Amino acid sequence: MIILGIDPGTARMGYGILEISPKKKTNLIKSGVLITTPDAESHKRLLTIFKDLNALVREYSPEVMVLERIFFNTNVKTALTVGQARGISMLVAASSGMNLFEYTALQAKLVLTGYGRSDKKQMQEAVKKSLKLREIIKSDDANDAVAMALCYIIKEHEPNKH
């Protein structure tokens, strides 16, 4: 099974593609960040995200998308743009026939570290340890996306772990 984790944003959208092998081993296939041009009009940025996300889906054929749910944001402008990026992600999931799961960052932190207020460094280390990687995933956006996918795997496929 291939899982696509998403940390939504219109400037930087983190993604992580994980695979659960038939022996229930979780492997990181790819992670990265989709970046849009800062001076582009917002509708063109959304189109770029749509195209780039669709390209990833065509290449890796994930069965599940795991999207970070935003539960509050003090900056209204940021909340709106993140909401737009979430909408694009949902559209890609629906049009590709993927199952969609959503978790908050707090849920992912709790599942991966046991503490809902873990900082970025603690989350990077938790992802590294969980996937038995040699190094942390450098981009915070990509690491957050991988953490979303891991949260899904642990909650849905390893319920006794959390």
N, C-alpha and C. Protein backbone atom coordinates (compact mmCIF):
# COMPACT_ATOMS: atom_id res chain seq x y z
N MET A 1 0.84 -1.18 0.00
CA MET A 1 0.00 0.00 0.00
C MET A 1 0.89 1.25 0.00
N ILE A 2 0.53 2.21 -0.83
CA ILE A 2 1.26 3.48 -0.92
C ILE A 2 0.41 4.57 -0.27
N ILE A 3 1.04 5.35 0.60
CA ILE A 3 0.37 6.44 1.32
C ILE A 3 1.07 7.75 1.00
N LEU A 4 0.26 8.78 0.71
CA LEU A 4 0.78 10.12 0.43
C LEU A 4 0.39 11.03 1.59
N GLY A 5 1.38 11.51 2.33
CA GLY A 5 1.15 12.46 3.41
C GLY A 5 1.33 13.87 2.87
N ILE A 6 0.48 14.80 3.34
CA ILE A 6 0.52 16.19 2.86
C ILE A 6 0.53 17.15 4.04
N ASP A 7 1.48 18.10 4.00
CA ASP A 7 1.49 19.25 4.89
C ASP A 7 1.13 20.44 4.00
N PRO A 8 -0.13 20.89 4.05
CA PRO A 8 -0.62 21.85 3.06
C PRO A 8 -0.08 23.26 3.22
N GLY A 9 0.08 23.92 2.10
CA GLY A 9 0.48 25.32 2.04
C GLY A 9 0.51 25.75 0.60
N THR A 10 0.30 27.03 0.35
CA THR A 10 0.34 27.50 -1.04
C THR A 10 1.75 27.92 -1.46
N ALA A 11 2.57 28.35 -0.53
CA ALA A 11 3.95 28.70 -0.86
C ALA A 11 4.81 27.43 -0.87
N ARG A 12 4.61 26.58 0.15
CA ARG A 12 5.39 25.34 0.30
C ARG A 12 4.44 24.25 0.77
N MET A 13 4.29 23.23 -0.04
CA MET A 13 3.47 22.08 0.35
C MET A 13 4.40 20.88 0.53
N GLY A 14 4.48 20.41 1.77
CA GLY A 14 5.31 19.24 2.03
C GLY A 14 4.57 17.97 1.63
N TYR A 15 5.35 16.99 1.16
CA TYR A 15 4.75 15.70 0.85
C TYR A 15 5.70 14.58 1.27
N GLY A 16 5.11 13.45 1.58
CA GLY A 16 5.87 12.26 1.92
C GLY A 16 5.14 11.06 1.36
N ILE A 17 5.87 10.21 0.66
CA ILE A 17 5.27 9.02 0.07
C ILE A 17 5.88 7.80 0.77
N LEU A 18 5.01 7.04 1.43
CA LEU A 18 5.44 5.87 2.18
C LEU A 18 4.77 4.63 1.62
N GLU A 19 5.42 3.50 1.84
CA GLU A 19 4.86 2.23 1.41
C GLU A 19 4.84 1.28 2.59
N ILE A 20 3.72 0.58 2.73
CA ILE A 20 3.66 -0.51 3.71
C ILE A 20 3.83 -1.78 2.90
N SER A 21 4.91 -2.51 3.18
CA SER A 21 5.18 -3.74 2.44
C SER A 21 4.24 -4.85 2.91
N PRO A 22 4.15 -5.94 2.14
CA PRO A 22 3.31 -7.06 2.56
C PRO A 22 3.69 -7.60 3.96
N LYS A 23 4.93 -7.41 4.36
CA LYS A 23 5.38 -7.86 5.68
C LYS A 23 5.19 -6.78 6.74
N LYS A 24 4.39 -5.74 6.41
CA LYS A 24 4.05 -4.64 7.33
C LYS A 24 5.23 -3.75 7.67
N LYS A 25 6.26 -3.75 6.85
CA LYS A 25 7.39 -2.85 7.05
C LYS A 25 7.07 -1.54 6.33
N THR A 26 7.35 -0.40 6.98
CA THR A 26 7.09 0.90 6.38
C THR A 26 8.37 1.46 5.79
N ASN A 27 8.30 1.83 4.53
CA ASN A 27 9.46 2.39 3.83
C ASN A 27 9.13 3.78 3.29
N LEU A 28 10.10 4.68 3.40
CA LEU A 28 9.99 6.00 2.79
C LEU A 28 10.40 5.88 1.34
N ILE A 29 9.48 6.22 0.45
CA ILE A 29 9.78 6.18 -0.99
C ILE A 29 10.37 7.52 -1.42
N LYS A 30 9.71 8.60 -1.00
CA LYS A 30 10.17 9.93 -1.42
C LYS A 30 9.52 10.98 -0.52
N SER A 31 10.25 12.06 -0.30
CA SER A 31 9.68 13.21 0.41
C SER A 31 10.24 14.46 -0.22
N GLY A 32 9.50 15.55 -0.05
CA GLY A 32 9.97 16.80 -0.63
C GLY A 32 8.95 17.91 -0.41
N VAL A 33 9.15 18.97 -1.16
CA VAL A 33 8.30 20.15 -1.03
C VAL A 33 7.94 20.66 -2.42
N LEU A 34 6.64 20.91 -2.61
CA LEU A 34 6.18 21.56 -3.83
C LEU A 34 6.20 23.06 -3.54
N ILE A 35 6.91 23.81 -4.36
CA ILE A 35 7.10 25.24 -4.12
C ILE A 35 6.48 26.04 -5.26
N THR A 36 5.76 27.11 -4.89
CA THR A 36 5.20 27.99 -5.91
C THR A 36 5.95 29.32 -5.89
N THR A 37 5.83 30.05 -6.99
CA THR A 37 6.49 31.34 -7.13
C THR A 37 5.78 32.38 -6.27
N PRO A 38 6.52 33.06 -5.38
CA PRO A 38 5.90 34.02 -4.46
C PRO A 38 5.15 35.17 -5.14
N ASP A 39 5.64 35.61 -6.29
CA ASP A 39 4.99 36.75 -6.93
C ASP A 39 3.88 36.35 -7.91
N ALA A 40 3.59 35.05 -8.03
CA ALA A 40 2.51 34.59 -8.91
C ALA A 40 1.15 34.88 -8.26
N GLU A 41 0.17 35.10 -9.09
CA GLU A 41 -1.19 35.33 -8.58
C GLU A 41 -1.66 34.04 -7.89
N SER A 42 -2.52 34.21 -6.88
CA SER A 42 -2.90 33.06 -6.05
C SER A 42 -3.56 31.94 -6.86
N HIS A 43 -4.39 32.26 -7.84
CA HIS A 43 -5.02 31.19 -8.60
C HIS A 43 -4.00 30.41 -9.44
N LYS A 44 -2.94 31.08 -9.85
CA LYS A 44 -1.89 30.40 -10.61
C LYS A 44 -1.03 29.52 -9.68
N ARG A 45 -0.85 29.97 -8.44
CA ARG A 45 -0.13 29.16 -7.45
C ARG A 45 -0.92 27.87 -7.17
N LEU A 46 -2.24 28.01 -7.06
CA LEU A 46 -3.08 26.84 -6.80
C LEU A 46 -3.05 25.87 -7.98
N LEU A 47 -3.02 26.40 -9.20
CA LEU A 47 -2.92 25.55 -10.39
C LEU A 47 -1.59 24.79 -10.39
N THR A 48 -0.51 25.46 -10.01
CA THR A 48 0.81 24.82 -9.93
C THR A 48 0.76 23.66 -8.93
N ILE A 49 0.17 23.90 -7.77
CA ILE A 49 0.06 22.85 -6.75
C ILE A 49 -0.76 21.68 -7.31
N PHE A 50 -1.87 22.00 -7.95
CA PHE A 50 -2.74 20.97 -8.52
C PHE A 50 -1.97 20.10 -9.52
N LYS A 51 -1.25 20.74 -10.43
CA LYS A 51 -0.50 20.01 -11.45
C LYS A 51 0.62 19.17 -10.83
N ASP A 52 1.38 19.78 -9.91
CA ASP A 52 2.50 19.07 -9.29
C ASP A 52 2.03 17.90 -8.43
N LEU A 53 0.94 18.09 -7.70
CA LEU A 53 0.40 17.02 -6.86
C LEU A 53 -0.15 15.89 -7.73
N ASN A 54 -0.82 16.25 -8.80
CA ASN A 54 -1.32 15.23 -9.74
C ASN A 54 -0.17 14.44 -10.36
N ALA A 55 0.93 15.11 -10.66
CA ALA A 55 2.09 14.42 -11.23
C ALA A 55 2.63 13.38 -10.24
N LEU A 56 2.70 13.74 -8.95
CA LEU A 56 3.15 12.78 -7.93
C LEU A 56 2.19 11.59 -7.86
N VAL A 57 0.91 11.88 -7.91
CA VAL A 57 -0.10 10.82 -7.83
C VAL A 57 0.01 9.88 -9.04
N ARG A 58 0.19 10.44 -10.21
CA ARG A 58 0.35 9.61 -11.41
C ARG A 58 1.60 8.74 -11.32
N GLU A 59 2.68 9.31 -10.78
CA GLU A 59 3.94 8.57 -10.72
C GLU A 59 3.92 7.45 -9.67
N TYR A 60 3.31 7.69 -8.50
CA TYR A 60 3.41 6.74 -7.39
C TYR A 60 2.10 5.99 -7.08
N SER A 61 0.99 6.41 -7.63
CA SER A 61 -0.32 5.75 -7.45
C SER A 61 -0.67 5.43 -6.00
N PRO A 62 -0.67 6.44 -5.12
CA PRO A 62 -1.04 6.17 -3.73
C PRO A 62 -2.52 5.79 -3.62
N GLU A 63 -2.81 4.94 -2.64
CA GLU A 63 -4.19 4.53 -2.38
C GLU A 63 -4.84 5.42 -1.33
N VAL A 64 -3.98 6.07 -0.53
CA VAL A 64 -4.46 6.87 0.60
C VAL A 64 -3.73 8.21 0.61
N MET A 65 -4.49 9.28 0.88
CA MET A 65 -3.89 10.59 1.15
C MET A 65 -4.18 10.92 2.61
N VAL A 66 -3.14 11.38 3.30
CA VAL A 66 -3.28 11.80 4.69
C VAL A 66 -2.94 13.29 4.74
N LEU A 67 -3.92 14.08 5.11
CA LEU A 67 -3.83 15.53 5.02
C LEU A 67 -3.85 16.14 6.42
N GLU A 68 -2.93 17.07 6.65
CA GLU A 68 -2.94 17.75 7.96
C GLU A 68 -4.18 18.63 8.05
N ARG A 69 -4.90 18.44 9.15
CA ARG A 69 -6.09 19.25 9.42
C ARG A 69 -5.66 20.43 10.29
N ILE A 70 -6.06 21.60 9.90
CA ILE A 70 -5.75 22.80 10.67
C ILE A 70 -6.90 23.02 11.64
N PHE A 71 -6.59 23.04 12.94
CA PHE A 71 -7.69 23.19 13.88
C PHE A 71 -7.85 24.60 14.40
N PHE A 72 -6.83 25.43 14.24
CA PHE A 72 -6.97 26.85 14.54
C PHE A 72 -5.75 27.56 13.98
N ASN A 73 -5.92 28.83 13.74
CA ASN A 73 -4.80 29.64 13.27
C ASN A 73 -5.11 31.09 13.62
N THR A 74 -4.15 31.75 14.25
CA THR A 74 -4.38 33.13 14.66
C THR A 74 -4.24 34.09 13.48
N ASN A 75 -3.54 33.68 12.43
CA ASN A 75 -3.37 34.52 11.25
C ASN A 75 -4.42 34.12 10.21
N VAL A 76 -5.43 34.97 10.01
CA VAL A 76 -6.54 34.66 9.12
C VAL A 76 -6.06 34.46 7.68
N LYS A 77 -5.15 35.30 7.22
CA LYS A 77 -4.66 35.18 5.84
C LYS A 77 -3.98 33.81 5.63
N THR A 78 -3.16 33.40 6.59
CA THR A 78 -2.49 32.11 6.50
C THR A 78 -3.52 30.98 6.52
N ALA A 79 -4.50 31.08 7.40
CA ALA A 79 -5.54 30.05 7.49
C ALA A 79 -6.29 29.91 6.17
N LEU A 80 -6.58 31.02 5.51
CA LEU A 80 -7.28 30.97 4.23
C LEU A 80 -6.44 30.31 3.15
N THR A 81 -5.17 30.67 3.05
CA THR A 81 -4.34 30.09 1.99
C THR A 81 -4.08 28.61 2.26
N VAL A 82 -3.90 28.25 3.52
CA VAL A 82 -3.72 26.83 3.85
C VAL A 82 -5.01 26.08 3.51
N GLY A 83 -6.15 26.69 3.78
CA GLY A 83 -7.43 26.08 3.43
C GLY A 83 -7.57 25.86 1.94
N GLN A 84 -7.08 26.81 1.14
CA GLN A 84 -7.12 26.65 -0.31
C GLN A 84 -6.24 25.47 -0.75
N ALA A 85 -5.06 25.37 -0.16
CA ALA A 85 -4.14 24.27 -0.48
C ALA A 85 -4.75 22.93 -0.06
N ARG A 86 -5.44 22.93 1.08
CA ARG A 86 -6.13 21.72 1.52
C ARG A 86 -7.22 21.33 0.52
N GLY A 87 -7.94 22.32 0.03
CA GLY A 87 -8.99 22.06 -0.96
C GLY A 87 -8.44 21.44 -2.23
N ILE A 88 -7.32 21.96 -2.70
CA ILE A 88 -6.67 21.40 -3.89
C ILE A 88 -6.26 19.96 -3.62
N SER A 89 -5.70 19.71 -2.45
CA SER A 89 -5.29 18.35 -2.08
C SER A 89 -6.48 17.40 -2.06
N MET A 90 -7.58 17.86 -1.47
CA MET A 90 -8.80 17.04 -1.41
C MET A 90 -9.33 16.75 -2.81
N LEU A 91 -9.28 17.74 -3.69
CA LEU A 91 -9.71 17.56 -5.07
C LEU A 91 -8.87 16.50 -5.77
N VAL A 92 -7.56 16.56 -5.58
CA VAL A 92 -6.67 15.57 -6.18
C VAL A 92 -6.99 14.18 -5.63
N ALA A 93 -7.20 14.08 -4.32
CA ALA A 93 -7.53 12.78 -3.72
C ALA A 93 -8.83 12.23 -4.29
N ALA A 94 -9.86 13.08 -4.36
CA ALA A 94 -11.17 12.64 -4.86
C ALA A 94 -11.11 12.25 -6.33
N SER A 95 -10.43 13.06 -7.13
CA SER A 95 -10.38 12.79 -8.57
C SER A 95 -9.52 11.57 -8.90
N SER A 96 -8.66 11.18 -7.96
CA SER A 96 -7.79 10.02 -8.16
C SER A 96 -8.35 8.76 -7.51
N GLY A 97 -9.47 8.90 -6.81
CA GLY A 97 -10.07 7.75 -6.16
C GLY A 97 -9.38 7.31 -4.88
N MET A 98 -8.59 8.20 -4.30
CA MET A 98 -7.89 7.87 -3.05
C MET A 98 -8.82 7.99 -1.86
N ASN A 99 -8.53 7.20 -0.84
CA ASN A 99 -9.18 7.40 0.46
C ASN A 99 -8.47 8.57 1.13
N LEU A 100 -9.21 9.39 1.85
CA LEU A 100 -8.65 10.58 2.50
C LEU A 100 -8.81 10.45 4.01
N PHE A 101 -7.71 10.68 4.72
CA PHE A 101 -7.71 10.72 6.18
C PHE A 101 -7.11 12.05 6.59
N GLU A 102 -7.59 12.61 7.69
CA GLU A 102 -7.08 13.89 8.18
C GLU A 102 -6.75 13.77 9.66
N TYR A 103 -5.61 14.35 10.03
CA TYR A 103 -5.18 14.41 11.42
C TYR A 103 -4.61 15.79 11.69
N THR A 104 -4.74 16.24 12.92
CA THR A 104 -4.10 17.50 13.30
C THR A 104 -2.63 17.24 13.61
N ALA A 105 -1.84 18.28 13.63
CA ALA A 105 -0.43 18.16 14.01
C ALA A 105 -0.33 17.63 15.44
N LEU A 106 -1.24 18.05 16.29
CA LEU A 106 -1.25 17.59 17.68
C LEU A 106 -1.44 16.08 17.74
N GLN A 107 -2.34 15.53 16.93
CA GLN A 107 -2.55 14.09 16.89
C GLN A 107 -1.29 13.36 16.42
N ALA A 108 -0.65 13.88 15.38
CA ALA A 108 0.57 13.25 14.86
C ALA A 108 1.68 13.29 15.91
N LYS A 109 1.81 14.41 16.59
CA LYS A 109 2.83 14.54 17.64
C LYS A 109 2.58 13.55 18.76
N LEU A 110 1.34 13.43 19.16
CA LEU A 110 0.98 12.51 20.24
C LEU A 110 1.28 11.06 19.85
N VAL A 111 0.93 10.69 18.63
CA VAL A 111 1.15 9.32 18.16
C VAL A 111 2.64 9.01 18.02
N LEU A 112 3.41 9.96 17.47
CA LEU A 112 4.82 9.69 17.19
C LEU A 112 5.76 9.91 18.38
N THR A 113 5.43 10.85 19.25
CA THR A 113 6.35 11.15 20.37
C THR A 113 5.73 10.90 21.73
N GLY A 114 4.42 10.73 21.77
CA GLY A 114 3.74 10.56 23.06
C GLY A 114 3.42 11.88 23.74
N TYR A 115 3.77 13.00 23.07
CA TYR A 115 3.56 14.32 23.64
C TYR A 115 3.02 15.25 22.55
N GLY A 116 1.83 15.80 22.75
CA GLY A 116 1.17 16.61 21.74
C GLY A 116 1.78 17.97 21.48
N ARG A 117 2.72 18.37 22.30
CA ARG A 117 3.37 19.69 22.11
C ARG A 117 4.84 19.55 21.73
N SER A 118 5.21 18.43 21.11
CA SER A 118 6.59 18.21 20.70
C SER A 118 7.03 19.30 19.73
N ASP A 119 8.32 19.64 19.79
CA ASP A 119 8.82 20.66 18.87
C ASP A 119 9.30 20.00 17.57
N LYS A 120 9.72 20.84 16.63
CA LYS A 120 10.13 20.36 15.30
C LYS A 120 11.26 19.34 15.39
N LYS A 121 12.23 19.61 16.25
CA LYS A 121 13.39 18.72 16.38
C LYS A 121 12.96 17.35 16.91
N GLN A 122 12.08 17.35 17.90
CA GLN A 122 11.59 16.08 18.44
C GLN A 122 10.82 15.29 17.38
N MET A 123 10.06 16.00 16.57
CA MET A 123 9.31 15.32 15.50
C MET A 123 10.26 14.77 14.42
N GLN A 124 11.28 15.54 14.09
CA GLN A 124 12.26 15.06 13.11
C GLN A 124 12.91 13.77 13.60
N GLU A 125 13.28 13.75 14.86
CA GLU A 125 13.91 12.57 15.44
C GLU A 125 12.94 11.39 15.49
N ALA A 126 11.68 11.66 15.81
CA ALA A 126 10.67 10.60 15.88
C ALA A 126 10.44 9.97 14.50
N VAL A 127 10.38 10.81 13.47
CA VAL A 127 10.21 10.31 12.10
C VAL A 127 11.43 9.49 11.70
N LYS A 128 12.61 10.01 11.98
CA LYS A 128 13.86 9.31 11.66
C LYS A 128 13.89 7.93 12.33
N LYS A 129 13.56 7.91 13.60
CA LYS A 129 13.59 6.65 14.36
C LYS A 129 12.53 5.67 13.84
N SER A 130 11.33 6.17 13.61
CA SER A 130 10.23 5.33 13.16
C SER A 130 10.53 4.65 11.82
N LEU A 131 11.19 5.38 10.92
CA LEU A 131 11.51 4.85 9.59
C LEU A 131 12.93 4.27 9.51
N LYS A 132 13.65 4.31 10.64
CA LYS A 132 15.03 3.81 10.70
C LYS A 132 15.92 4.47 9.63
N LEU A 133 15.79 5.80 9.54
CA LEU A 133 16.58 6.57 8.58
C LEU A 133 17.94 6.91 9.18
N ARG A 134 18.90 7.15 8.34
CA ARG A 134 20.24 7.53 8.82
C ARG A 134 20.29 9.00 9.23
N GLU A 135 19.49 9.83 8.54
CA GLU A 135 19.46 11.26 8.83
C GLU A 135 18.02 11.72 8.94
N ILE A 136 17.85 12.88 9.57
CA ILE A 136 16.51 13.46 9.64
C ILE A 136 16.11 13.97 8.26
N ILE A 137 14.82 14.09 8.05
CA ILE A 137 14.32 14.71 6.82
C ILE A 137 14.49 16.21 7.01
N LYS A 138 15.30 16.82 6.16
CA LYS A 138 15.74 18.20 6.36
C LYS A 138 14.63 19.25 6.34
N SER A 139 13.75 19.20 5.37
CA SER A 139 12.71 20.22 5.29
C SER A 139 11.62 19.94 6.33
N ASP A 140 11.28 20.96 7.12
CA ASP A 140 10.20 20.81 8.11
C ASP A 140 8.89 20.43 7.44
N ASP A 141 8.61 21.02 6.27
CA ASP A 141 7.36 20.75 5.56
C ASP A 141 7.30 19.28 5.12
N ALA A 142 8.39 18.77 4.58
CA ALA A 142 8.43 17.37 4.15
C ALA A 142 8.35 16.44 5.37
N ASN A 143 9.05 16.78 6.44
CA ASN A 143 9.01 15.96 7.65
C ASN A 143 7.59 15.92 8.23
N ASP A 144 6.93 17.06 8.24
CA ASP A 144 5.55 17.11 8.74
C ASP A 144 4.63 16.24 7.90
N ALA A 145 4.83 16.23 6.59
CA ALA A 145 4.01 15.41 5.70
C ALA A 145 4.25 13.92 5.96
N VAL A 146 5.51 13.55 6.14
CA VAL A 146 5.84 12.15 6.45
C VAL A 146 5.23 11.77 7.79
N ALA A 147 5.28 12.70 8.75
CA ALA A 147 4.68 12.45 10.07
C ALA A 147 3.18 12.19 9.95
N MET A 148 2.50 12.91 9.06
CA MET A 148 1.06 12.69 8.84
C MET A 148 0.82 11.26 8.34
N ALA A 149 1.62 10.84 7.36
CA ALA A 149 1.47 9.49 6.82
C ALA A 149 1.76 8.44 7.89
N LEU A 150 2.78 8.67 8.70
CA LEU A 150 3.10 7.74 9.79
C LEU A 150 1.98 7.69 10.83
N CYS A 151 1.38 8.83 11.11
CA CYS A 151 0.26 8.88 12.05
C CYS A 151 -0.86 7.96 11.56
N TYR A 152 -1.17 8.04 10.28
CA TYR A 152 -2.20 7.18 9.69
C TYR A 152 -1.80 5.71 9.84
N ILE A 153 -0.57 5.39 9.48
CA ILE A 153 -0.12 3.99 9.53
C ILE A 153 -0.24 3.43 10.94
N ILE A 154 0.21 4.21 11.91
CA ILE A 154 0.17 3.74 13.29
C ILE A 154 -1.27 3.63 13.79
N LYS A 155 -2.09 4.64 13.52
CA LYS A 155 -3.48 4.62 14.01
C LYS A 155 -4.34 3.58 13.31
N GLU A 156 -4.16 3.40 12.02
CA GLU A 156 -5.04 2.52 11.25
C GLU A 156 -4.51 1.11 11.07
N HIS A 157 -3.19 0.94 11.08
CA HIS A 157 -2.60 -0.37 10.81
C HIS A 157 -1.88 -0.98 12.00
N GLU A 158 -1.58 -0.17 12.99
CA GLU A 158 -0.91 -0.67 14.19
C GLU A 158 -1.60 -0.12 15.43
N PRO A 159 -2.92 -0.35 15.57
CA PRO A 159 -3.67 0.32 16.65
C PRO A 159 -3.18 0.01 18.07
N ASN A 160 -2.47 -1.08 18.25
CA ASN A 160 -1.96 -1.41 19.59
C ASN A 160 -0.74 -0.58 19.96
N LYS A 161 -0.16 0.12 18.97
CA LYS A 161 1.05 0.92 19.23
C LYS A 161 0.76 2.25 19.91
N HIS A 162 -0.46 2.75 19.81
CA HIS A 162 -0.73 4.07 20.39
C HIS A 162 -1.81 4.03 21.42
